[in-house]
């Protein structure tokens, strides 16, 4: 009886993905707002329901999959497989969390580990 959720942003360099997902101080992005609402809903349904929440943060960059929760060699790419009709990323780190306050520093650390690079389209990317 569980739900798997994926928050995914795709688009050109400079199109606003980082702003939309992470936001800025005073105007949090969709990722943080979603986490807040998720835990509000969990709290409102206690004690009738018990939830277990875990977090995995991966990055797809130049057609490679990276685990940005796990510190290590940037050359360590993850593989994706289909199992029982579901796509799964193998060996990605998973962190159990029990409230929104635990999620924020994990996401901050993960977002800081994202790839940076400019393209011919936008040599002054917000992260390059």
Foldseek 3Di string as FASTA:
>chain_A
DDDDDDDDDDDDFPPCPCCQQQNDVVGGHPVLVVQQVVQVVVVVCPPVDDDWDKDWDWDQDPNFIGGLLDDDDPPDTWDWDADPNDIDTPPTDMGTDDGSVVVVVSVVSSVVSDDDQDDPVGRPGPRD
